[in-house]
Amino acid sequence: MTQDRHPSIRRTALMLLAAMSLASVWASGQTVLDAADFGLKADGVSDDGPAVREMLERAAATAGSAMLKFPSGKSIHIASGKERYAFRIDQLHNLSIDGGGSTFLLDKELRFLHVTSSRDFRMTRLNVDLTRSPVVEATVMQLHDEGKRLLVRLDEPSRASELGGPTQKDGEQAFFGMLWLPDGDVMQSSHYYIDAVKHSGPAGSGMVELVCPNEMPASTRTAIKPGETRISLPVPGIAHRRGPGPMLRIDRCQNVNFEDVEVWSAPWFAFEILRNGGEQIFRRVHVRPKPDSGRTTSSWRDGFHAKGNRGSLLFEDCILEGMNDDAFNISTHAWFVEAVPAPDRARIRQVFPIYYMPLHKDGEVLAISSDGARRLGPACIAEISGAPENEAVFLPEHHKAPVLELTFTRPIEGLAPGCILWDLTSANPATVIRGCRIRKSCRIQSPVTMERCDVAGLLMFYCDDVEGPMPSGSIVRDSTLRRGRGNDSLAVAINGWRGGRAPAVIPPAAEFPLRDLRFERNIIHGGFHAIAVNGLALVENQFLSGPPQLDHSTADVENFREKPDH
């Protein structure tokens, strides 16, 4: 036998060859990690969670940028994750994930992505679904007791045992099913609150009786067609405030880019986009039921829930359908003024049902008077005291909100206890929604430019005590806006009063909190109602359902047309 005279050299060569089989290096310096080299099966059955975690560990140990590359057009089953996420990424920069058009199937207790405190993150070409939907689809067969009882037939009779009523646990929100009612060329949705679920009929028939605490509105009763009307029923736990979690969370990152990503099932928000800087880009990112699946529900809550971002947000060529809450919620959390110890100081407490939204030195703040009538400020923050060290802290209860003391660069005239305050610089100040197909209501509480969109759902611009900023400076142009999910008569609703409540004394329009909204070259099917706006510009719009209703608003209406030109 020939003796190897250089065993150390041979071992080194073998190690290099092994490393090269696991990763190729582009000329650009990006390391490409191929999923097959980490044992990924992509057979839709095996748990590929360990392979994903190993790829992430290797990426974290790689100098420079890295790409995780997955096979083309496969089903990738994830049955295990880190902190219940298939992709848990923290402080990892210059990472790309190319899904190859594959579908990631997650077991019901898992979520897909949680990326935090990372820079230059990119995800492309993949679909996200659950192996077992948290929603059971059904057809209404009979209606009894003025709608207090419904007999429904499940699409999947085997799932009857999964259904149930409210649990009263874990911050559970209202427990309801969602009725889907045709209304012209769109689908309206109507909540059906559930007290109890009772099995009915022979075993395996899939017949279930739903018990509602309230009498159904007459308009809903008459719209239901037994044997045709569809209803989505949640599995218990879906409506919990802290239980399900978003399917994809992007938090405190700098520069993210999502392209050609689809989310087909989410038990809470599909995307939660929090406290980010730089550019946040979402191109051809769709939240909708899986095509040709017969499903009606995609996300049980918001499609995109964007809150407290300092960087720019771009949503381009996205499709949003099947949400049971808003397609877009663009906002931040407000702070209540508790005391004003000096003209240039204020003690404030945040009201936040989800996350702490940090304030920043040199941030520009605005406030609304306690009666909701007047805009106060702006002023810049000179000093902050009392801020928690961990800005990512999850504080779901109001009494746990931190109390901060702010010192301003100048006094804010009229600031007093009871006012509501927010930081303009972290209120999604540069958001663009372009070329999107939207089939649900949108809550716009930050400055937004919407252009070339097709919207069938209530478009709302307003102020709220919890999600506080005003969408001043928003523009909607070259879009089709029609009534749809969220309101059966209005296409656009604008309300500048705090909480939607008019003050006892109406101030001059120049003091109104909400100002400078512009609608131009839109086709509007449905009501347009604006309350308390200073500087509403309506330019070359077609109001096909009658003239806009303007209350306590200063408006410039140019080239008003009720019918389209031919």
Protein backbone atom coordinates (compact mmCIF):
# COMPACT_ATOMS: atom_id res chain seq x y z
CA MET A 1 0.00 0.00 0.00
CA THR A 2 1.35 3.33 -0.94
CA GLN A 3 1.73 5.66 2.03
CA ASP A 4 0.27 9.15 1.73
CA ARG A 5 3.32 11.35 2.28
CA HIS A 6 1.30 14.55 2.69
CA PRO A 7 -1.85 13.73 4.71
CA SER A 8 -2.37 17.31 5.95
CA ILE A 9 -2.32 18.65 2.38
CA ARG A 10 -4.77 15.98 1.29
CA ARG A 11 -7.17 16.75 4.16
CA THR A 12 -7.03 20.44 3.33
CA ALA A 13 -7.80 19.75 -0.33
CA LEU A 14 -10.77 17.57 0.61
CA MET A 15 -12.10 20.27 2.93
CA LEU A 16 -11.84 22.85 0.18
CA LEU A 17 -13.64 20.60 -2.27
CA ALA A 18 -16.41 20.00 0.28
CA ALA A 19 -16.76 23.69 0.92
CA MET A 20 -16.98 24.38 -2.80
CA SER A 21 -19.73 21.77 -3.13
CA LEU A 22 -21.74 23.63 -0.50
CA ALA A 23 -21.21 27.13 -1.82
CA SER A 24 -20.21 28.72 -5.03
CA VAL A 25 -18.78 32.19 -5.07
CA TRP A 26 -19.90 34.67 -7.67
CA ALA A 27 -17.39 36.96 -9.24
CA SER A 28 -19.14 39.73 -7.33
CA GLY A 29 -18.10 38.11 -4.08
CA GLN A 30 -21.57 36.82 -3.15
CA THR A 31 -21.59 33.35 -1.66
CA VAL A 32 -24.41 31.17 -3.03
CA LEU A 33 -25.65 28.44 -0.69
CA ASP A 34 -27.59 25.80 -2.59
CA ALA A 35 -30.36 24.17 -0.55
CA ALA A 36 -29.71 20.72 -2.05
CA ASP A 37 -26.24 20.73 -0.53
CA PHE A 38 -27.79 21.10 2.93
CA GLY A 39 -30.06 18.08 2.63
CA LEU A 40 -33.22 19.85 1.51
CA LYS A 41 -35.69 17.23 0.23
CA ALA A 42 -38.35 19.53 -1.31
CA ASP A 43 -40.78 16.62 -1.54
CA GLY A 44 -43.61 18.38 0.29
CA VAL A 45 -43.56 15.76 3.06
CA SER A 46 -40.15 15.69 4.77
CA ASP A 47 -39.37 18.42 7.29
CA ASP A 48 -36.98 20.79 5.52
CA GLY A 49 -36.81 23.09 8.54
CA PRO A 50 -33.39 21.78 9.71
CA ALA A 51 -31.90 22.37 6.25
CA VAL A 52 -33.17 25.97 6.25
CA ARG A 53 -31.73 26.61 9.70
CA GLU A 54 -28.36 25.14 8.67
CA MET A 55 -28.31 27.39 5.60
CA LEU A 56 -28.97 30.44 7.79
CA GLU A 57 -26.21 29.44 10.19
CA ARG A 58 -23.79 29.08 7.29
CA ALA A 59 -24.85 32.47 5.91
CA ALA A 60 -24.24 34.07 9.31
CA ALA A 61 -20.71 32.64 9.32
CA THR A 62 -19.98 33.80 5.77
CA ALA A 63 -17.97 36.94 5.16
CA GLY A 64 -19.65 39.35 2.76
CA SER A 65 -23.00 38.84 1.09
CA ALA A 66 -24.77 35.48 0.80
CA MET A 67 -27.68 34.03 -1.14
CA LEU A 68 -29.84 31.09 -0.08
CA LYS A 69 -30.89 29.37 -3.29
CA PHE A 70 -33.85 26.98 -3.36
CA PRO A 71 -34.97 24.60 -6.13
CA SER A 72 -37.40 25.63 -8.83
CA GLY A 73 -41.11 24.92 -8.56
CA LYS A 74 -41.03 22.52 -5.62
CA SER A 75 -43.07 22.09 -2.41
CA ILE A 76 -40.90 22.68 0.65
CA HIS A 77 -42.46 21.47 3.90
CA ILE A 78 -41.39 23.24 7.10
CA ALA A 79 -42.43 21.44 10.30
CA SER A 80 -39.87 22.99 12.67
CA GLY A 81 -38.31 26.40 13.08
CA LYS A 82 -36.41 28.73 15.35
CA GLU A 83 -38.63 30.75 17.67
CA ARG A 84 -41.54 29.37 15.59
CA TYR A 85 -40.25 30.99 12.39
CA ALA A 86 -39.00 29.05 9.37
CA PHE A 87 -36.59 31.93 8.67
CA ARG A 88 -35.47 33.69 11.87
CA ILE A 89 -32.86 36.30 10.94
CA ASP A 90 -31.31 38.81 13.30
CA GLN A 91 -28.44 41.23 12.61
CA LEU A 92 -27.51 39.48 9.39
CA HIS A 93 -26.59 41.84 6.57
CA ASN A 94 -26.45 41.48 2.78
CA LEU A 95 -28.58 38.33 2.67
CA SER A 96 -30.69 37.28 -0.33
CA ILE A 97 -33.19 34.43 -0.51
CA ASP A 98 -34.18 33.11 -3.95
CA GLY A 99 -37.11 30.74 -3.61
CA GLY A 100 -36.99 29.60 -7.24
CA GLY A 101 -40.78 29.87 -7.48
CA SER A 102 -41.21 27.09 -4.92
CA THR A 103 -44.01 26.95 -2.36
CA PHE A 104 -43.11 26.82 1.33
CA LEU A 105 -45.72 24.84 3.28
CA LEU A 106 -45.67 25.56 6.99
CA ASP A 107 -47.30 23.59 9.78
CA LYS A 108 -50.00 25.63 11.50
CA GLU A 109 -48.00 26.68 14.58
CA LEU A 110 -45.18 28.14 12.45
CA ARG A 111 -44.72 31.47 10.69
CA PHE A 112 -42.49 32.16 7.73
CA LEU A 113 -40.10 35.08 8.33
CA HIS A 114 -38.92 37.27 11.18
CA VAL A 115 -36.05 39.51 10.12
CA THR A 116 -34.80 42.12 12.57
CA SER A 117 -31.99 44.66 12.79
CA SER A 118 -30.60 43.58 9.42
CA ARG A 119 -29.38 45.57 6.44
CA ASP A 120 -29.83 44.98 2.71
CA PHE A 121 -32.16 41.99 2.87
CA ARG A 122 -33.77 40.61 -0.31
CA MET A 123 -36.35 37.88 -0.89
CA THR A 124 -37.61 36.80 -4.33
CA ARG A 125 -39.65 34.17 -6.15
CA LEU A 126 -41.55 32.11 -3.61
CA ASN A 127 -45.02 31.31 -2.28
CA VAL A 128 -46.05 30.91 1.36
CA ASP A 129 -48.88 28.66 2.48
CA LEU A 130 -49.90 26.54 5.46
CA THR A 131 -50.19 22.77 5.34
CA ARG A 132 -53.53 23.17 7.08
CA SER A 133 -55.42 26.41 6.69
CA PRO A 134 -56.50 28.18 9.91
CA VAL A 135 -59.77 28.88 8.08
CA VAL A 136 -62.40 26.29 7.23
CA GLU A 137 -64.48 27.28 4.22
CA ALA A 138 -68.16 26.44 4.10
CA THR A 139 -71.48 27.11 2.35
CA VAL A 140 -74.57 28.42 4.15
CA MET A 141 -77.39 25.89 3.75
CA GLN A 142 -80.12 27.17 6.12
CA LEU A 143 -80.86 30.30 8.14
CA HIS A 144 -82.93 30.19 11.35
CA ASP A 145 -84.14 32.55 14.11
CA GLU A 146 -83.56 35.74 12.12
CA GLY A 147 -79.99 34.67 11.46
CA LYS A 148 -79.06 33.76 15.04
CA ARG A 149 -78.44 30.21 13.82
CA LEU A 150 -76.88 29.11 10.56
CA LEU A 151 -76.59 25.58 9.26
CA VAL A 152 -73.49 25.33 7.08
CA ARG A 153 -71.80 22.58 5.07
CA LEU A 154 -68.01 22.41 5.33
CA ASP A 155 -65.91 22.06 2.20
CA GLU A 156 -63.73 19.64 4.20
CA PRO A 157 -66.04 17.55 6.43
CA SER A 158 -63.03 15.95 8.12
CA ARG A 159 -62.22 19.31 9.72
CA ALA A 160 -65.46 19.60 11.69
CA SER A 161 -63.70 18.59 14.92
CA GLU A 162 -61.27 21.51 14.58
CA LEU A 163 -63.98 24.11 14.87
CA GLY A 164 -65.10 25.75 18.08
CA GLY A 165 -66.23 29.01 19.58
CA PRO A 166 -64.52 31.69 21.66
CA THR A 167 -61.86 30.59 24.14
CA GLN A 168 -61.60 33.83 26.18
CA LYS A 169 -57.81 33.33 26.32
CA ASP A 170 -54.64 35.16 25.29
CA GLY A 171 -56.18 38.53 24.54
CA GLU A 172 -58.73 36.96 22.22
CA GLN A 173 -60.45 39.50 20.07
CA ALA A 174 -64.01 39.18 18.83
CA PHE A 175 -64.58 35.68 17.49
CA PHE A 176 -66.42 35.63 14.19
CA GLY A 177 -66.84 33.96 10.86
CA MET A 178 -66.89 35.97 7.65
CA LEU A 179 -69.86 35.87 5.30
CA TRP A 180 -69.12 36.60 1.65
CA LEU A 181 -71.93 38.38 -0.17
CA PRO A 182 -71.90 39.35 -3.85
CA ASP A 183 -72.51 43.03 -4.53
CA GLY A 184 -72.26 43.84 -8.20
CA ASP A 185 -68.75 43.09 -9.41
CA VAL A 186 -67.24 42.91 -5.91
CA MET A 187 -67.69 40.76 -2.81
CA GLN A 188 -68.85 42.38 0.42
CA SER A 189 -67.90 40.71 3.69
CA SER A 190 -70.03 40.64 6.80
CA HIS A 191 -68.93 39.54 10.26
CA TYR A 192 -70.90 36.68 11.79
CA TYR A 193 -70.12 36.60 15.51
CA ILE A 194 -70.06 33.09 16.96
CA ASP A 195 -70.97 31.99 20.48
CA ALA A 196 -70.92 28.27 19.82
CA VAL A 197 -70.38 25.63 17.13
CA LYS A 198 -72.54 22.51 17.18
CA HIS A 199 -72.17 19.45 14.98
CA SER A 200 -75.30 18.56 13.06
CA GLY A 201 -76.35 15.65 10.87
CA PRO A 202 -74.65 12.28 10.42
CA ALA A 203 -70.98 11.88 11.27
CA GLY A 204 -68.81 12.86 8.37
CA SER A 205 -71.53 14.95 6.72
CA GLY A 206 -69.70 18.20 7.42
CA MET A 207 -72.92 19.83 8.60
CA VAL A 208 -72.34 22.32 11.41
CA GLU A 209 -74.67 24.71 13.23
CA LEU A 210 -73.34 28.15 14.16
CA VAL A 211 -74.91 30.08 17.03
CA CYS A 212 -74.68 33.88 16.95
CA PRO A 213 -75.45 36.14 19.95
CA ASN A 214 -77.05 38.82 17.78
CA GLU A 215 -79.90 39.06 15.35
CA MET A 216 -78.59 39.40 11.82
CA PRO A 217 -79.25 42.73 10.05
CA ALA A 218 -82.10 42.49 7.56
CA SER A 219 -79.87 43.56 4.68
CA THR A 220 -77.54 40.63 5.37
CA ARG A 221 -80.38 38.13 5.75
CA THR A 222 -81.87 39.07 2.41
CA ALA A 223 -78.46 38.86 0.71
CA ILE A 224 -77.83 35.28 1.84
CA LYS A 225 -78.68 32.63 -0.75
CA PRO A 226 -78.85 29.15 0.84
CA GLY A 227 -76.71 26.70 -1.04
CA GLU A 228 -74.61 29.49 -2.59
CA THR A 229 -73.45 31.99 0.04
CA ARG A 230 -69.97 31.27 1.36
CA ILE A 231 -68.65 31.69 4.90
CA SER A 232 -65.10 31.42 6.31
CA LEU A 233 -64.82 29.93 9.80
CA PRO A 234 -61.72 30.36 11.99
CA VAL A 235 -60.07 27.60 13.94
CA PRO A 236 -59.95 28.65 17.63
CA GLY A 237 -56.84 30.69 18.36
CA ILE A 238 -56.83 32.61 15.09
CA ALA A 239 -58.42 35.70 16.65
CA HIS A 240 -55.97 35.97 19.53
CA ARG A 241 -54.06 39.20 19.84
CA ARG A 242 -50.70 37.66 20.70
CA GLY A 243 -51.15 34.07 19.57
CA PRO A 244 -50.93 33.82 15.79
CA GLY A 245 -48.35 36.49 14.93
CA PRO A 246 -47.71 37.85 11.43
CA MET A 247 -46.66 35.51 8.65
CA LEU A 248 -43.76 37.83 7.74
CA ARG A 249 -42.34 40.44 10.11
CA ILE A 250 -39.73 43.01 9.06
CA ASP A 251 -38.57 45.00 12.09
CA ARG A 252 -35.84 47.65 12.54
CA CYS A 253 -34.12 46.85 9.25
CA GLN A 254 -32.32 49.05 6.74
CA ASN A 255 -33.23 48.45 3.09
CA VAL A 256 -35.37 45.43 2.27
CA ASN A 257 -36.56 44.26 -1.13
CA PHE A 258 -39.31 41.70 -1.76
CA GLU A 259 -40.15 40.73 -5.34
CA ASP A 260 -42.48 38.06 -6.74
CA VAL A 261 -43.64 36.76 -3.37
CA GLU A 262 -47.12 35.39 -2.69
CA VAL A 263 -48.79 34.78 0.68
CA TRP A 264 -51.80 32.48 0.40
CA SER A 265 -52.65 31.91 4.05
CA ALA A 266 -52.01 33.90 7.22
CA PRO A 267 -53.84 33.58 10.56
CA TRP A 268 -53.15 37.20 11.49
CA PHE A 269 -51.33 39.93 9.51
CA ALA A 270 -49.67 38.71 6.34
CA PHE A 271 -46.90 41.36 6.57
CA GLU A 272 -45.98 43.41 9.62
CA ILE A 273 -43.50 46.15 8.69
CA LEU A 274 -42.22 47.97 11.78
CA ARG A 275 -39.71 50.68 12.63
CA ASN A 276 -37.55 50.31 9.52
CA GLY A 277 -35.25 52.77 7.77
CA GLY A 278 -33.82 53.11 4.29
CA GLU A 279 -35.90 51.73 1.41
CA GLN A 280 -38.60 49.10 1.89
CA ILE A 281 -39.62 47.79 -1.55
CA PHE A 282 -42.45 45.33 -2.28
CA ARG A 283 -42.88 44.58 -6.00
CA ARG A 284 -45.40 42.00 -7.19
CA VAL A 285 -45.95 40.89 -3.62
CA HIS A 286 -49.45 39.43 -3.47
CA VAL A 287 -51.64 38.54 -0.50
CA ARG A 288 -54.52 36.52 -1.90
CA PRO A 289 -56.11 33.08 -1.69
CA LYS A 290 -54.17 30.46 -3.54
CA PRO A 291 -55.27 30.69 -7.18
CA ASP A 292 -57.74 27.99 -8.29
CA SER A 293 -58.04 26.68 -4.72
CA GLY A 294 -61.65 27.69 -4.09
CA ARG A 295 -60.61 29.56 -0.94
CA THR A 296 -62.11 32.94 -0.10
CA THR A 297 -59.75 34.00 2.72
CA SER A 298 -56.04 34.77 2.52
CA SER A 299 -55.15 36.71 5.69
CA TRP A 300 -57.44 36.83 8.69
CA ARG A 301 -56.21 40.34 9.46
CA ASP A 302 -54.32 43.00 7.45
CA GLY A 303 -52.43 42.33 4.25
CA PHE A 304 -49.74 44.95 4.89
CA HIS A 305 -49.59 46.42 8.40
CA ALA A 306 -46.91 49.13 8.20
CA LYS A 307 -46.25 51.07 11.35
CA GLY A 308 -43.62 53.51 12.60
CA ASN A 309 -41.23 53.36 9.66
CA ARG A 310 -38.71 56.18 9.16
CA GLY A 311 -37.65 55.01 5.71
CA SER A 312 -39.58 54.98 2.44
CA LEU A 313 -42.16 52.33 1.53
CA LEU A 314 -42.95 51.29 -2.05
CA PHE A 315 -45.74 48.82 -2.89
CA GLU A 316 -45.83 48.29 -6.65
CA ASP A 317 -47.97 45.96 -8.80
CA CYS A 318 -49.29 44.07 -5.76
CA ILE A 319 -52.58 42.14 -5.55
CA LEU A 320 -54.46 42.18 -2.24
CA GLU A 321 -57.56 40.01 -1.96
CA GLY A 322 -59.28 37.92 0.70
CA MET A 323 -58.19 39.83 3.80
CA ASN A 324 -60.64 39.93 6.70
CA ASP A 325 -59.28 43.26 7.86
CA ASP A 326 -57.48 45.96 5.87
CA ALA A 327 -55.45 45.54 2.72
CA PHE A 328 -53.18 48.36 3.91
CA ASN A 329 -52.87 49.87 7.37
CA ILE A 330 -50.28 52.66 7.10
CA SER A 331 -49.92 54.33 10.50
CA THR A 332 -47.92 54.68 13.67
CA HIS A 333 -48.88 54.66 17.33
CA ALA A 334 -49.77 57.87 19.11
CA TRP A 335 -48.72 59.26 22.46
CA PHE A 336 -51.05 60.86 24.98
CA VAL A 337 -49.85 63.98 26.72
CA GLU A 338 -50.12 63.43 30.50
CA ALA A 339 -48.54 66.64 31.75
CA VAL A 340 -46.82 69.80 30.51
CA PRO A 341 -44.37 70.77 33.30
CA ALA A 342 -42.91 73.63 31.23
CA PRO A 343 -43.82 75.35 27.95
CA ASP A 344 -41.11 73.39 26.14
CA ARG A 345 -41.56 70.04 27.94
CA ALA A 346 -44.18 67.30 28.04
CA ARG A 347 -44.67 63.95 29.76
CA ILE A 348 -46.23 61.46 27.39
CA ARG A 349 -47.44 57.85 27.40
CA GLN A 350 -47.81 55.73 24.29
CA VAL A 351 -50.97 53.79 23.68
CA PHE A 352 -50.01 50.74 21.68
CA PRO A 353 -51.70 47.37 21.31
CA ILE A 354 -48.78 45.92 19.36
CA TYR A 355 -45.29 47.45 19.75
CA TYR A 356 -43.40 50.30 21.29
CA MET A 357 -42.68 52.98 18.71
CA PRO A 358 -39.48 54.78 19.71
CA LEU A 359 -39.13 58.52 19.46
CA HIS A 360 -35.84 59.98 18.30
CA LYS A 361 -33.87 63.06 19.18
CA ASP A 362 -34.28 65.67 16.42
CA GLY A 363 -37.55 64.03 15.37
CA GLU A 364 -40.30 66.44 14.38
CA VAL A 365 -43.54 66.09 16.32
CA LEU A 366 -47.08 67.32 15.83
CA ALA A 367 -50.00 67.27 18.23
CA ILE A 368 -53.78 67.54 18.14
CA SER A 369 -55.69 69.46 20.78
CA SER A 370 -57.64 67.49 23.37
CA ASP A 371 -60.95 68.34 21.70
CA GLY A 372 -59.60 67.13 18.36
CA ALA A 373 -60.15 70.47 16.66
CA ARG A 374 -56.72 72.03 16.13
CA ARG A 375 -53.27 71.07 14.94
CA LEU A 376 -50.47 72.07 17.35
CA GLY A 377 -46.82 72.41 16.48
CA PRO A 378 -44.62 71.32 14.86
CA ALA A 379 -41.53 71.25 17.03
CA CYS A 380 -38.37 69.16 17.15
CA ILE A 381 -37.31 66.92 20.03
CA ALA A 382 -34.21 68.24 21.79
CA GLU A 383 -34.02 65.63 24.57
CA ILE A 384 -35.75 62.39 25.59
CA SER A 385 -35.71 60.81 29.04
CA GLY A 386 -37.30 57.59 30.25
CA ALA A 387 -37.03 55.58 27.01
CA PRO A 388 -36.61 51.81 27.49
CA GLU A 389 -33.25 50.40 26.52
CA ASN A 390 -34.83 47.67 24.42
CA GLU A 391 -36.84 49.33 21.69
CA ALA A 392 -38.09 45.94 20.50
CA VAL A 393 -39.91 45.27 23.77
CA PHE A 394 -43.37 43.79 23.34
CA LEU A 395 -45.77 45.58 25.65
CA PRO A 396 -49.32 44.65 24.74
CA GLU A 397 -51.12 46.21 27.71
CA HIS A 398 -51.64 49.95 27.90
CA HIS A 399 -50.62 50.19 31.55
CA LYS A 400 -47.15 48.93 30.62
CA ALA A 401 -46.51 51.77 28.19
CA PRO A 402 -43.40 53.77 29.12
CA VAL A 403 -43.74 57.34 30.31
CA LEU A 404 -41.27 59.64 28.55
CA GLU A 405 -40.41 63.26 29.11
CA LEU A 406 -39.64 65.28 26.00
CA THR A 407 -37.89 68.61 25.76
CA PHE A 408 -38.68 70.52 22.58
CA THR A 409 -36.54 72.97 20.69
CA ARG A 410 -39.35 75.49 21.19
CA PRO A 411 -42.66 75.56 23.06
CA ILE A 412 -45.75 74.07 21.38
CA GLU A 413 -48.53 76.60 21.86
CA GLY A 414 -51.72 75.06 23.23
CA LEU A 415 -50.11 71.74 24.27
CA ALA A 416 -51.95 70.42 27.35
CA PRO A 417 -52.88 67.16 29.06
CA GLY A 418 -55.20 65.12 26.88
CA CYS A 419 -53.60 66.12 23.59
CA ILE A 420 -52.41 63.43 21.23
CA LEU A 421 -48.86 63.61 19.84
CA TRP A 422 -46.87 61.73 17.20
CA ASP A 423 -43.46 61.83 15.55
CA LEU A 424 -43.72 62.83 11.90
CA THR A 425 -40.29 61.41 11.07
CA SER A 426 -41.32 57.86 12.06
CA ALA A 427 -44.82 57.95 10.60
CA ASN A 428 -44.05 56.35 7.22
CA PRO A 429 -43.39 59.78 5.70
CA ALA A 430 -42.64 58.60 2.14
CA THR A 431 -45.07 55.84 1.18
CA VAL A 432 -46.06 55.04 -2.42
CA ILE A 433 -48.74 52.52 -3.46
CA ARG A 434 -48.55 52.13 -7.24
CA GLY A 435 -50.29 49.91 -9.76
CA CYS A 436 -51.94 47.71 -7.13
CA ARG A 437 -55.18 45.73 -7.33
CA ILE A 438 -56.86 46.13 -3.93
CA ARG A 439 -60.00 44.33 -2.82
CA LYS A 440 -60.36 45.47 0.77
CA SER A 441 -60.47 48.66 2.79
CA CYS A 442 -57.32 50.73 3.34
CA ARG A 443 -56.55 52.76 6.47
CA ILE A 444 -54.31 55.64 5.47
CA GLN A 445 -53.07 57.51 8.52
CA SER A 446 -49.70 58.62 7.14
CA PRO A 447 -48.74 60.65 4.05
CA VAL A 448 -49.32 58.31 1.09
CA THR A 449 -49.15 58.69 -2.68
CA MET A 450 -51.48 56.22 -4.40
CA GLU A 451 -51.37 56.08 -8.19
CA ARG A 452 -52.68 53.85 -10.97
CA CYS A 453 -54.47 51.57 -8.51
CA ASP A 454 -57.71 49.61 -8.88
CA VAL A 455 -59.46 49.70 -5.51
CA ALA A 456 -62.73 48.00 -4.54
CA GLY A 457 -62.93 48.78 -0.85
CA LEU A 458 -63.35 51.76 1.41
CA LEU A 459 -60.40 54.14 1.23
CA MET A 460 -60.10 55.86 4.64
CA PHE A 461 -58.04 58.89 5.63
CA TYR A 462 -58.54 59.77 9.28
CA CYS A 463 -57.15 60.40 12.76
CA ASP A 464 -57.40 57.96 15.64
CA ASP A 465 -56.35 58.06 19.29
CA VAL A 466 -54.32 54.84 19.00
CA GLU A 467 -53.01 54.95 15.44
CA GLY A 468 -52.57 58.63 15.53
CA PRO A 469 -50.89 60.54 12.72
CA MET A 470 -52.76 62.52 10.13
CA PRO A 471 -52.41 61.66 6.42
CA SER A 472 -51.77 65.29 5.45
CA GLY A 473 -50.06 65.63 2.10
CA SER A 474 -51.57 62.47 0.62
CA ILE A 475 -52.23 62.19 -3.12
CA VAL A 476 -54.51 59.79 -5.00
CA ARG A 477 -54.31 59.98 -8.78
CA ASP A 478 -55.07 58.08 -11.98
CA SER A 479 -56.92 55.37 -10.04
CA THR A 480 -60.28 53.65 -10.08
CA LEU A 481 -61.96 53.78 -6.68
CA ARG A 482 -65.18 51.90 -6.00
CA ARG A 483 -67.18 50.94 -2.97
CA GLY A 484 -66.50 47.42 -1.84
CA ARG A 485 -65.37 45.51 1.21
CA GLY A 486 -65.47 47.86 4.17
CA ASN A 487 -68.49 49.96 3.20
CA ASP A 488 -71.56 49.36 1.05
CA SER A 489 -72.01 52.97 -0.04
CA LEU A 490 -68.74 54.94 0.22
CA ALA A 491 -65.63 54.60 -1.91
CA VAL A 492 -63.71 57.31 -0.03
CA ALA A 493 -64.14 58.51 3.56
CA ILE A 494 -62.03 61.34 5.01
CA ASN A 495 -62.45 62.57 8.57
CA GLY A 496 -60.13 65.10 10.16
CA TRP A 497 -61.64 65.09 13.63
CA ARG A 498 -59.89 63.13 16.36
CA GLY A 499 -61.63 59.78 16.66
CA GLY A 500 -64.14 60.96 14.05
CA ARG A 501 -65.96 63.13 16.59
CA ALA A 502 -66.63 66.77 15.81
CA PRO A 503 -65.58 69.27 18.51
CA ALA A 504 -68.14 71.40 20.33
CA VAL A 505 -66.66 74.53 18.75
CA ILE A 506 -65.46 74.40 15.13
CA PRO A 507 -62.25 76.45 14.73
CA PRO A 508 -61.18 78.26 11.56
CA ALA A 509 -60.27 75.85 8.77
CA ALA A 510 -56.65 77.02 8.88
CA GLU A 511 -56.34 75.29 12.28
CA PHE A 512 -57.81 71.95 11.19
CA PRO A 513 -55.51 68.99 11.88
CA LEU A 514 -56.04 67.38 8.45
CA ARG A 515 -54.86 69.30 5.41
CA ASP A 516 -53.52 69.16 1.87
CA LEU A 517 -55.15 66.08 0.33
CA ARG A 518 -55.25 65.85 -3.45
CA PHE A 519 -57.37 63.60 -5.70
CA GLU A 520 -56.73 63.96 -9.42
CA ARG A 521 -57.87 62.13 -12.56
CA ASN A 522 -59.63 59.34 -10.65
CA ILE A 523 -62.78 57.46 -11.62
CA ILE A 524 -64.88 57.13 -8.47
CA HIS A 525 -67.79 54.66 -8.24
CA GLY A 526 -69.45 55.22 -4.86
CA GLY A 527 -69.77 57.99 -2.32
CA PHE A 528 -67.01 60.48 -1.56
CA HIS A 529 -67.35 62.05 1.89
CA ALA A 530 -64.80 64.49 3.35
CA ILE A 531 -65.10 66.06 6.80
CA ALA A 532 -62.84 68.75 8.24
CA VAL A 533 -60.11 69.05 5.63
CA ASN A 534 -58.21 72.25 5.02
CA GLY A 535 -57.02 72.24 1.43
CA LEU A 536 -58.78 69.39 -0.38
CA ALA A 537 -58.01 69.50 -4.10
CA LEU A 538 -60.33 67.56 -6.44
CA VAL A 539 -58.97 67.84 -9.96
CA GLU A 540 -60.44 66.22 -13.08
CA ASN A 541 -62.11 63.36 -11.22
CA GLN A 542 -65.17 61.49 -12.48
CA PHE A 543 -67.70 61.05 -9.67
CA LEU A 544 -70.03 58.42 -11.12
CA SER A 545 -72.25 58.10 -8.04
CA GLY A 546 -72.97 61.78 -7.53
CA PRO A 547 -71.07 64.84 -6.35
CA PRO A 548 -68.68 64.64 -3.41
CA GLN A 549 -70.05 65.49 0.03
CA LEU A 550 -67.84 68.08 1.69
CA ASP A 551 -68.49 69.02 5.32
CA HIS A 552 -66.43 71.67 7.10
CA SER A 553 -63.85 71.44 4.34
CA THR A 554 -62.09 73.96 2.16
CA ALA A 555 -61.98 72.42 -1.28
CA ASP A 556 -60.83 73.34 -4.74
CA VAL A 557 -62.95 71.40 -7.23
CA GLU A 558 -61.82 71.66 -10.85
CA ASN A 559 -63.46 70.22 -13.95
CA PHE A 560 -66.04 68.23 -12.01
CA ARG A 561 -67.72 65.52 -14.11
CA GLU A 562 -70.44 63.09 -13.01
CA LYS A 563 -70.24 60.99 -16.18
CA PRO A 564 -67.24 59.76 -18.12
CA ASP A 565 -66.39 61.28 -21.46
CA HIS A 566 -67.06 59.20 -24.55
